[in-house]
Amino acid sequence: MKKRVRSDRIELFAAIIVIGILCIIAIPRFLVVHNDALSSAVQLLNANLKASVDQVYAKSVIHGLEKSANVTGRDPIFLEGIEITYGTPTINADGIGKMPITADNFEMKIFDGMSYFIIKGSNDKLHEEGVPSRCFVKYQPRQSADLSRSYTLTYNDDCSE
């Protein structure tokens, strides 16, 4: 009976050691896969935004609205339900917030004249000014009628924790 208890303890101890070693190996690999997934989500969101903004701009050119500014105090300019300025969506809920974007795992924040799309679950830390430091897509609409397709769309896919 004592031999059986002793061998059961040894087996239990060996199993705990094996599980511990697997955890030490698996957890860092899981974090890398998680960060890669978040980075891919940022890149996908950037591509979807670019395609959507380009489509709105093309439609505004067809309707002759690419040189029309959305001036404060006047009625806003809408194209198919999306508020635009110089042919690109504005940085509010009625503009870029209504874009038909297939990615749905983000939240939009507006800081200093730009829209930031922050991937949910990225545990992103915000700077003191509220601007995200990593794992985001940044959008700024076209600023002038003189520039051709000059909206700004940049991304930071560093989603490491």
N, C-alpha and C. Protein backbone atom coordinates (compact mmCIF):
# COMPACT_ATOMS: atom_id res chain seq x y z
N MET A 1 0.82 -1.19 0.00
CA MET A 1 0.00 0.00 0.00
C MET A 1 0.87 1.27 0.00
N LYS A 2 1.95 1.25 0.79
CA LYS A 2 2.82 2.42 0.86
C LYS A 2 3.53 2.65 -0.48
N LYS A 3 3.89 1.55 -1.17
CA LYS A 3 4.53 1.70 -2.47
C LYS A 3 3.61 2.37 -3.47
N ARG A 4 2.34 2.02 -3.45
CA ARG A 4 1.36 2.61 -4.38
C ARG A 4 1.19 4.09 -4.13
N VAL A 5 1.09 4.51 -2.85
CA VAL A 5 0.93 5.93 -2.52
C VAL A 5 2.16 6.70 -2.95
N ARG A 6 3.35 6.12 -2.72
CA ARG A 6 4.58 6.79 -3.08
C ARG A 6 4.67 6.96 -4.60
N SER A 7 4.30 5.95 -5.38
CA SER A 7 4.36 6.06 -6.83
C SER A 7 3.29 7.02 -7.35
N ASP A 8 2.12 7.09 -6.68
CA ASP A 8 1.10 8.06 -7.07
C ASP A 8 1.61 9.48 -6.88
N ARG A 9 2.31 9.72 -5.79
CA ARG A 9 2.86 11.05 -5.53
C ARG A 9 3.91 11.42 -6.57
N ILE A 10 4.74 10.46 -6.93
CA ILE A 10 5.77 10.71 -7.94
C ILE A 10 5.13 11.01 -9.28
N GLU A 11 4.10 10.26 -9.64
CA GLU A 11 3.38 10.52 -10.89
C GLU A 11 2.72 11.90 -10.88
N LEU A 12 2.11 12.25 -9.75
CA LEU A 12 1.48 13.56 -9.62
C LEU A 12 2.51 14.67 -9.73
N PHE A 13 3.64 14.51 -9.07
CA PHE A 13 4.71 15.49 -9.12
C PHE A 13 5.24 15.64 -10.55
N ALA A 14 5.43 14.51 -11.24
CA ALA A 14 5.90 14.55 -12.62
C ALA A 14 4.89 15.25 -13.53
N ALA A 15 3.61 14.98 -13.31
CA ALA A 15 2.57 15.63 -14.12
C ALA A 15 2.56 17.14 -13.89
N ILE A 16 2.72 17.57 -12.65
CA ILE A 16 2.76 19.01 -12.34
C ILE A 16 3.95 19.67 -13.03
N ILE A 17 5.11 18.99 -13.02
CA ILE A 17 6.30 19.55 -13.67
C ILE A 17 6.07 19.66 -15.18
N VAL A 18 5.50 18.65 -15.78
CA VAL A 18 5.24 18.68 -17.23
C VAL A 18 4.26 19.80 -17.57
N ILE A 19 3.20 19.94 -16.80
CA ILE A 19 2.22 21.01 -17.04
C ILE A 19 2.88 22.39 -16.87
N GLY A 20 3.73 22.53 -15.87
CA GLY A 20 4.45 23.80 -15.67
C GLY A 20 5.33 24.15 -16.84
N ILE A 21 6.06 23.15 -17.36
CA ILE A 21 6.93 23.39 -18.51
C ILE A 21 6.10 23.77 -19.73
N LEU A 22 4.99 23.11 -19.94
CA LEU A 22 4.11 23.44 -21.07
C LEU A 22 3.58 24.87 -20.95
N CYS A 23 3.22 25.27 -19.73
CA CYS A 23 2.72 26.64 -19.52
C CYS A 23 3.81 27.67 -19.81
N ILE A 24 5.03 27.37 -19.39
CA ILE A 24 6.14 28.31 -19.62
C ILE A 24 6.38 28.47 -21.12
N ILE A 25 6.19 27.43 -21.89
CA ILE A 25 6.39 27.50 -23.34
C ILE A 25 5.17 28.07 -24.06
N ALA A 26 3.96 27.68 -23.63
CA ALA A 26 2.75 28.03 -24.38
C ALA A 26 2.31 29.47 -24.16
N ILE A 27 2.43 30.00 -22.96
CA ILE A 27 1.90 31.35 -22.68
C ILE A 27 2.60 32.41 -23.53
N PRO A 28 3.94 32.45 -23.61
CA PRO A 28 4.56 33.47 -24.48
C PRO A 28 4.17 33.31 -25.95
N ARG A 29 4.03 32.07 -26.40
CA ARG A 29 3.62 31.86 -27.79
C ARG A 29 2.19 32.35 -28.02
N PHE A 30 1.32 32.16 -27.04
CA PHE A 30 -0.04 32.65 -27.15
C PHE A 30 -0.06 34.17 -27.23
N LEU A 31 0.78 34.84 -26.43
CA LEU A 31 0.83 36.30 -26.47
C LEU A 31 1.31 36.81 -27.83
N VAL A 32 2.27 36.12 -28.43
CA VAL A 32 2.75 36.51 -29.76
C VAL A 32 1.63 36.36 -30.78
N VAL A 33 0.91 35.25 -30.72
CA VAL A 33 -0.21 35.04 -31.65
C VAL A 33 -1.28 36.09 -31.43
N HIS A 34 -1.57 36.44 -30.17
CA HIS A 34 -2.57 37.47 -29.86
C HIS A 34 -2.15 38.82 -30.43
N ASN A 35 -0.89 39.20 -30.25
CA ASN A 35 -0.41 40.48 -30.78
C ASN A 35 -0.42 40.49 -32.30
N ASP A 36 -0.08 39.35 -32.92
CA ASP A 36 -0.13 39.26 -34.38
C ASP A 36 -1.56 39.41 -34.89
N ALA A 37 -2.52 38.84 -34.16
CA ALA A 37 -3.92 38.97 -34.56
C ALA A 37 -4.38 40.43 -34.47
N LEU A 38 -3.98 41.13 -33.41
CA LEU A 38 -4.33 42.55 -33.28
C LEU A 38 -3.68 43.38 -34.38
N SER A 39 -2.43 43.08 -34.70
CA SER A 39 -1.74 43.80 -35.79
C SER A 39 -2.45 43.57 -37.11
N SER A 40 -2.87 42.34 -37.36
CA SER A 40 -3.61 42.05 -38.59
C SER A 40 -4.94 42.78 -38.63
N ALA A 41 -5.60 42.89 -37.46
CA ALA A 41 -6.87 43.62 -37.40
C ALA A 41 -6.67 45.09 -37.74
N VAL A 42 -5.56 45.69 -37.28
CA VAL A 42 -5.26 47.08 -37.60
C VAL A 42 -5.03 47.24 -39.10
N GLN A 43 -4.27 46.34 -39.70
CA GLN A 43 -4.00 46.41 -41.13
C GLN A 43 -5.27 46.23 -41.95
N LEU A 44 -6.14 45.31 -41.52
CA LEU A 44 -7.42 45.10 -42.20
C LEU A 44 -8.31 46.34 -42.09
N LEU A 45 -8.37 46.91 -40.90
CA LEU A 45 -9.17 48.12 -40.71
C LEU A 45 -8.64 49.26 -41.57
N ASN A 46 -7.33 49.40 -41.66
CA ASN A 46 -6.74 50.44 -42.51
C ASN A 46 -7.13 50.23 -43.97
N ALA A 47 -7.06 49.00 -44.45
CA ALA A 47 -7.43 48.71 -45.84
C ALA A 47 -8.91 48.97 -46.08
N ASN A 48 -9.76 48.59 -45.13
CA ASN A 48 -11.20 48.84 -45.28
C ASN A 48 -11.50 50.33 -45.29
N LEU A 49 -10.87 51.09 -44.41
CA LEU A 49 -11.09 52.54 -44.39
C LEU A 49 -10.62 53.18 -45.69
N LYS A 50 -9.45 52.77 -46.17
CA LYS A 50 -8.94 53.34 -47.42
C LYS A 50 -9.90 53.07 -48.57
N ALA A 51 -10.39 51.85 -48.68
CA ALA A 51 -11.32 51.52 -49.76
C ALA A 51 -12.61 52.32 -49.62
N SER A 52 -13.12 52.46 -48.41
CA SER A 52 -14.37 53.19 -48.19
C SER A 52 -14.21 54.68 -48.48
N VAL A 53 -13.12 55.28 -48.00
CA VAL A 53 -12.90 56.71 -48.24
C VAL A 53 -12.67 56.96 -49.72
N ASP A 54 -11.92 56.08 -50.39
CA ASP A 54 -11.72 56.23 -51.84
C ASP A 54 -13.05 56.14 -52.60
N GLN A 55 -13.92 55.26 -52.15
CA GLN A 55 -15.23 55.12 -52.79
C GLN A 55 -16.07 56.38 -52.61
N VAL A 56 -16.06 56.95 -51.40
CA VAL A 56 -16.81 58.19 -51.15
C VAL A 56 -16.22 59.32 -51.99
N TYR A 57 -14.89 59.39 -52.07
CA TYR A 57 -14.27 60.45 -52.86
C TYR A 57 -14.64 60.31 -54.35
N ALA A 58 -14.63 59.08 -54.85
CA ALA A 58 -14.99 58.86 -56.26
C ALA A 58 -16.43 59.29 -56.52
N LYS A 59 -17.33 58.96 -55.58
CA LYS A 59 -18.73 59.39 -55.75
C LYS A 59 -18.85 60.90 -55.67
N SER A 60 -18.05 61.54 -54.81
CA SER A 60 -18.12 63.00 -54.72
C SER A 60 -17.62 63.66 -56.00
N VAL A 61 -16.63 63.05 -56.65
CA VAL A 61 -16.16 63.57 -57.94
C VAL A 61 -17.26 63.45 -58.98
N ILE A 62 -17.95 62.31 -59.00
CA ILE A 62 -19.05 62.10 -59.95
C ILE A 62 -20.14 63.15 -59.75
N HIS A 63 -20.43 63.49 -58.48
CA HIS A 63 -21.48 64.47 -58.18
C HIS A 63 -20.96 65.90 -58.14
N GLY A 64 -19.66 66.10 -58.39
CA GLY A 64 -19.08 67.45 -58.41
C GLY A 64 -18.94 68.07 -57.03
N LEU A 65 -18.78 67.27 -56.00
CA LEU A 65 -18.69 67.79 -54.63
C LEU A 65 -17.27 67.76 -54.07
N GLU A 66 -16.28 67.38 -54.87
CA GLU A 66 -14.93 67.23 -54.33
C GLU A 66 -14.28 68.56 -53.97
N LYS A 67 -14.83 69.68 -54.45
CA LYS A 67 -14.27 70.99 -54.11
C LYS A 67 -15.16 71.76 -53.15
N SER A 68 -16.19 71.10 -52.62
CA SER A 68 -17.12 71.76 -51.70
C SER A 68 -16.67 71.53 -50.27
N ALA A 69 -16.57 72.64 -49.54
CA ALA A 69 -16.14 72.57 -48.14
C ALA A 69 -17.35 72.52 -47.23
N ASN A 70 -17.21 71.79 -46.16
CA ASN A 70 -18.23 71.73 -45.12
C ASN A 70 -17.93 72.85 -44.14
N VAL A 71 -18.60 73.98 -44.27
CA VAL A 71 -18.30 75.18 -43.50
C VAL A 71 -19.19 75.23 -42.26
N THR A 72 -18.59 75.54 -41.12
CA THR A 72 -19.34 75.65 -39.87
C THR A 72 -20.35 76.78 -39.99
N GLY A 73 -21.56 76.55 -39.55
CA GLY A 73 -22.61 77.56 -39.60
C GLY A 73 -23.52 77.39 -40.80
N ARG A 74 -23.10 76.63 -41.77
CA ARG A 74 -23.93 76.34 -42.94
C ARG A 74 -24.43 74.91 -42.84
N ASP A 75 -25.39 74.59 -43.71
CA ASP A 75 -25.87 73.21 -43.75
C ASP A 75 -24.73 72.29 -44.18
N PRO A 76 -24.55 71.19 -43.47
CA PRO A 76 -23.48 70.26 -43.87
C PRO A 76 -23.78 69.62 -45.22
N ILE A 77 -22.74 69.17 -45.88
CA ILE A 77 -22.86 68.52 -47.18
C ILE A 77 -22.91 67.01 -46.95
N PHE A 78 -23.95 66.38 -47.46
CA PHE A 78 -24.10 64.93 -47.31
C PHE A 78 -24.07 64.27 -48.67
N LEU A 79 -23.45 63.11 -48.73
CA LEU A 79 -23.42 62.28 -49.92
C LEU A 79 -23.81 60.87 -49.50
N GLU A 80 -25.01 60.46 -49.91
CA GLU A 80 -25.55 59.15 -49.55
C GLU A 80 -25.52 58.92 -48.03
N GLY A 81 -25.90 59.95 -47.29
CA GLY A 81 -26.00 59.85 -45.83
C GLY A 81 -24.71 60.06 -45.07
N ILE A 82 -23.61 60.32 -45.76
CA ILE A 82 -22.31 60.53 -45.13
C ILE A 82 -21.93 62.00 -45.28
N GLU A 83 -21.63 62.65 -44.17
CA GLU A 83 -21.22 64.05 -44.20
C GLU A 83 -19.80 64.14 -44.76
N ILE A 84 -19.61 65.05 -45.74
CA ILE A 84 -18.30 65.15 -46.39
C ILE A 84 -17.80 66.58 -46.38
N THR A 85 -16.50 66.71 -46.54
CA THR A 85 -15.85 67.99 -46.79
C THR A 85 -14.76 67.75 -47.82
N TYR A 86 -14.73 68.54 -48.86
CA TYR A 86 -13.80 68.37 -49.97
C TYR A 86 -13.82 66.94 -50.50
N GLY A 87 -14.97 66.32 -50.50
CA GLY A 87 -15.12 64.99 -51.08
C GLY A 87 -14.76 63.82 -50.17
N THR A 88 -14.27 64.10 -48.97
CA THR A 88 -13.91 63.02 -48.04
C THR A 88 -14.78 63.13 -46.78
N PRO A 89 -15.01 62.01 -46.10
CA PRO A 89 -15.86 62.05 -44.90
C PRO A 89 -15.27 62.94 -43.81
N THR A 90 -16.15 63.65 -43.12
CA THR A 90 -15.71 64.48 -42.00
C THR A 90 -15.33 63.57 -40.83
N ILE A 91 -14.74 64.14 -39.79
CA ILE A 91 -14.25 63.33 -38.67
C ILE A 91 -15.25 63.28 -37.51
N ASN A 92 -16.49 63.07 -37.82
CA ASN A 92 -17.49 62.96 -36.76
C ASN A 92 -18.35 61.73 -37.00
N ALA A 93 -19.35 61.55 -36.15
CA ALA A 93 -20.21 60.36 -36.24
C ALA A 93 -21.01 60.34 -37.53
N ASP A 94 -21.33 61.52 -38.10
CA ASP A 94 -22.09 61.57 -39.35
C ASP A 94 -21.20 61.41 -40.58
N GLY A 95 -19.89 61.54 -40.41
CA GLY A 95 -18.96 61.39 -41.53
C GLY A 95 -18.30 60.03 -41.51
N ILE A 96 -17.07 59.99 -40.99
CA ILE A 96 -16.31 58.74 -40.97
C ILE A 96 -16.99 57.70 -40.07
N GLY A 97 -17.79 58.15 -39.13
CA GLY A 97 -18.50 57.22 -38.25
C GLY A 97 -19.59 56.43 -38.94
N LYS A 98 -20.05 56.88 -40.12
CA LYS A 98 -21.09 56.17 -40.86
C LYS A 98 -20.53 55.38 -42.05
N MET A 99 -19.23 55.25 -42.11
CA MET A 99 -18.62 54.54 -43.23
C MET A 99 -18.96 53.05 -43.15
N PRO A 100 -19.20 52.44 -44.31
CA PRO A 100 -19.49 51.01 -44.34
C PRO A 100 -18.20 50.20 -44.21
N ILE A 101 -17.75 50.03 -42.97
CA ILE A 101 -16.49 49.32 -42.70
C ILE A 101 -16.84 47.92 -42.21
N THR A 102 -16.20 46.92 -42.80
CA THR A 102 -16.54 45.54 -42.44
C THR A 102 -15.98 45.13 -41.09
N ALA A 103 -14.91 45.75 -40.64
CA ALA A 103 -14.36 45.42 -39.33
C ALA A 103 -15.24 46.06 -38.27
N ASP A 104 -15.60 45.33 -37.24
CA ASP A 104 -16.48 45.88 -36.22
C ASP A 104 -15.89 45.79 -34.82
N ASN A 105 -14.62 45.51 -34.71
CA ASN A 105 -14.02 45.35 -33.40
C ASN A 105 -13.14 46.55 -33.02
N PHE A 106 -13.64 47.75 -33.28
CA PHE A 106 -12.87 48.95 -32.98
C PHE A 106 -13.80 50.00 -32.38
N GLU A 107 -13.17 51.01 -31.78
CA GLU A 107 -13.92 52.16 -31.32
C GLU A 107 -13.27 53.41 -31.91
N MET A 108 -14.09 54.40 -32.24
CA MET A 108 -13.58 55.63 -32.84
C MET A 108 -13.49 56.71 -31.77
N LYS A 109 -12.35 57.39 -31.74
CA LYS A 109 -12.16 58.53 -30.86
C LYS A 109 -11.65 59.68 -31.70
N ILE A 110 -12.03 60.90 -31.34
CA ILE A 110 -11.61 62.08 -32.09
C ILE A 110 -10.71 62.93 -31.20
N PHE A 111 -9.49 63.21 -31.70
CA PHE A 111 -8.53 64.04 -30.98
C PHE A 111 -7.87 64.98 -31.97
N ASP A 112 -7.82 66.24 -31.64
CA ASP A 112 -7.02 67.22 -32.36
C ASP A 112 -7.24 67.18 -33.87
N GLY A 113 -8.50 67.15 -34.30
CA GLY A 113 -8.82 67.21 -35.72
C GLY A 113 -8.59 65.94 -36.50
N MET A 114 -8.44 64.81 -35.79
CA MET A 114 -8.26 63.52 -36.46
C MET A 114 -9.10 62.47 -35.77
N SER A 115 -9.51 61.47 -36.53
CA SER A 115 -10.23 60.32 -35.97
C SER A 115 -9.24 59.19 -35.75
N TYR A 116 -9.32 58.61 -34.59
CA TYR A 116 -8.49 57.44 -34.28
C TYR A 116 -9.41 56.24 -34.11
N PHE A 117 -9.09 55.17 -34.80
CA PHE A 117 -9.82 53.92 -34.68
C PHE A 117 -8.92 52.98 -33.88
N ILE A 118 -9.35 52.69 -32.66
CA ILE A 118 -8.56 51.87 -31.75
C ILE A 118 -9.18 50.49 -31.69
N ILE A 119 -8.38 49.47 -31.91
CA ILE A 119 -8.86 48.10 -31.90
C ILE A 119 -9.23 47.71 -30.48
N LYS A 120 -10.45 47.19 -30.30
CA LYS A 120 -10.88 46.73 -28.99
C LYS A 120 -10.06 45.51 -28.59
N GLY A 121 -9.74 45.43 -27.34
CA GLY A 121 -8.96 44.30 -26.85
C GLY A 121 -7.47 44.49 -27.00
N SER A 122 -7.04 45.66 -27.49
CA SER A 122 -5.60 45.88 -27.67
C SER A 122 -4.96 46.39 -26.38
N ASN A 123 -5.78 46.69 -25.36
CA ASN A 123 -5.27 47.22 -24.09
C ASN A 123 -4.35 48.40 -24.32
N ASP A 124 -4.75 49.24 -25.24
CA ASP A 124 -3.91 50.37 -25.62
C ASP A 124 -3.89 51.42 -24.53
N LYS A 125 -2.71 51.89 -24.24
CA LYS A 125 -2.55 52.99 -23.29
C LYS A 125 -2.63 54.30 -24.08
N LEU A 126 -3.36 55.27 -23.54
CA LEU A 126 -3.47 56.56 -24.21
C LEU A 126 -2.48 57.54 -23.58
N HIS A 127 -1.91 58.39 -24.42
CA HIS A 127 -1.05 59.46 -23.91
C HIS A 127 -1.91 60.42 -23.08
N GLU A 128 -1.27 61.34 -22.41
CA GLU A 128 -1.99 62.30 -21.57
C GLU A 128 -2.99 63.10 -22.38
N GLU A 129 -2.68 63.41 -23.63
CA GLU A 129 -3.59 64.20 -24.47
C GLU A 129 -4.76 63.36 -24.96
N GLY A 130 -4.74 62.06 -24.73
CA GLY A 130 -5.80 61.19 -25.18
C GLY A 130 -5.51 60.50 -26.51
N VAL A 131 -4.35 60.78 -27.10
CA VAL A 131 -3.99 60.19 -28.39
C VAL A 131 -3.42 58.79 -28.14
N PRO A 132 -3.87 57.78 -28.88
CA PRO A 132 -3.33 56.44 -28.66
C PRO A 132 -1.86 56.36 -29.03
N SER A 133 -1.12 55.52 -28.33
CA SER A 133 0.31 55.39 -28.58
C SER A 133 0.64 54.27 -29.54
N ARG A 134 -0.26 53.29 -29.68
CA ARG A 134 0.00 52.15 -30.56
C ARG A 134 -1.31 51.46 -30.90
N CYS A 135 -1.27 50.61 -31.90
CA CYS A 135 -2.41 49.77 -32.28
C CYS A 135 -3.63 50.62 -32.66
N PHE A 136 -3.50 51.43 -33.71
CA PHE A 136 -4.60 52.30 -34.13
C PHE A 136 -4.49 52.61 -35.62
N VAL A 137 -5.59 53.15 -36.16
CA VAL A 137 -5.60 53.73 -37.50
C VAL A 137 -6.04 55.18 -37.33
N LYS A 138 -5.32 56.09 -37.97
CA LYS A 138 -5.60 57.53 -37.84
C LYS A 138 -6.11 58.06 -39.18
N TYR A 139 -7.19 58.86 -39.12
CA TYR A 139 -7.78 59.43 -40.33
C TYR A 139 -7.92 60.93 -40.17
N GLN A 140 -7.54 61.67 -41.21
CA GLN A 140 -7.77 63.11 -41.28
C GLN A 140 -8.32 63.40 -42.66
N PRO A 141 -9.46 64.11 -42.76
CA PRO A 141 -10.05 64.37 -44.08
C PRO A 141 -9.21 65.34 -44.91
N ARG A 142 -9.58 65.45 -46.13
CA ARG A 142 -8.95 66.38 -47.06
C ARG A 142 -9.11 67.79 -46.52
N GLN A 143 -8.05 68.59 -46.58
CA GLN A 143 -8.05 69.92 -45.98
C GLN A 143 -8.26 71.07 -46.96
N SER A 144 -8.17 70.79 -48.25
CA SER A 144 -8.27 71.86 -49.23
C SER A 144 -8.73 71.30 -50.57
N ALA A 145 -9.38 72.13 -51.37
CA ALA A 145 -9.82 71.71 -52.69
C ALA A 145 -8.65 71.68 -53.67
N ASP A 146 -7.55 72.34 -53.32
CA ASP A 146 -6.41 72.42 -54.23
C ASP A 146 -5.61 71.12 -54.29
N LEU A 147 -5.71 70.32 -53.26
CA LEU A 147 -4.93 69.09 -53.19
C LEU A 147 -5.75 67.92 -53.73
N SER A 148 -5.12 67.06 -54.46
CA SER A 148 -5.85 65.92 -55.01
C SER A 148 -5.78 64.74 -54.04
N ARG A 149 -6.94 64.22 -53.65
CA ARG A 149 -7.07 63.05 -52.80
C ARG A 149 -6.08 63.07 -51.65
N SER A 150 -6.04 64.13 -50.91
CA SER A 150 -5.00 64.29 -49.89
C SER A 150 -5.49 64.01 -48.47
N TYR A 151 -6.44 63.13 -48.31
CA TYR A 151 -6.78 62.76 -46.95
C TYR A 151 -5.62 61.96 -46.37
N THR A 152 -5.52 61.95 -45.05
CA THR A 152 -4.43 61.25 -44.39
C THR A 152 -4.99 60.01 -43.70
N LEU A 153 -4.41 58.88 -44.00
CA LEU A 153 -4.80 57.63 -43.37
C LEU A 153 -3.52 56.86 -43.06
N THR A 154 -3.20 56.80 -41.78
CA THR A 154 -1.99 56.09 -41.35
C THR A 154 -2.36 55.11 -40.24
N TYR A 155 -1.51 54.15 -40.04
CA TYR A 155 -1.77 53.19 -38.97
C TYR A 155 -0.49 52.82 -38.24
N ASN A 156 -0.66 52.35 -37.02
CA ASN A 156 0.42 51.83 -36.22
C ASN A 156 -0.01 50.44 -35.77
N ASP A 157 0.62 49.42 -36.30
CA ASP A 157 0.21 48.07 -35.98
C ASP A 157 1.08 47.42 -34.91
N ASP A 158 1.76 48.24 -34.11
CA ASP A 158 2.50 47.71 -32.97
C ASP A 158 1.52 47.49 -31.83
N CYS A 159 1.04 46.28 -31.69
CA CYS A 159 0.03 45.97 -30.67
C CYS A 159 0.62 45.15 -29.54
N SER A 160 1.94 45.22 -29.37
CA SER A 160 2.56 44.43 -28.30
C SER A 160 2.16 44.99 -26.96
N GLU A 161 2.03 44.10 -26.01
CA GLU A 161 1.57 44.49 -24.67
C GLU A 161 2.74 44.75 -23.76
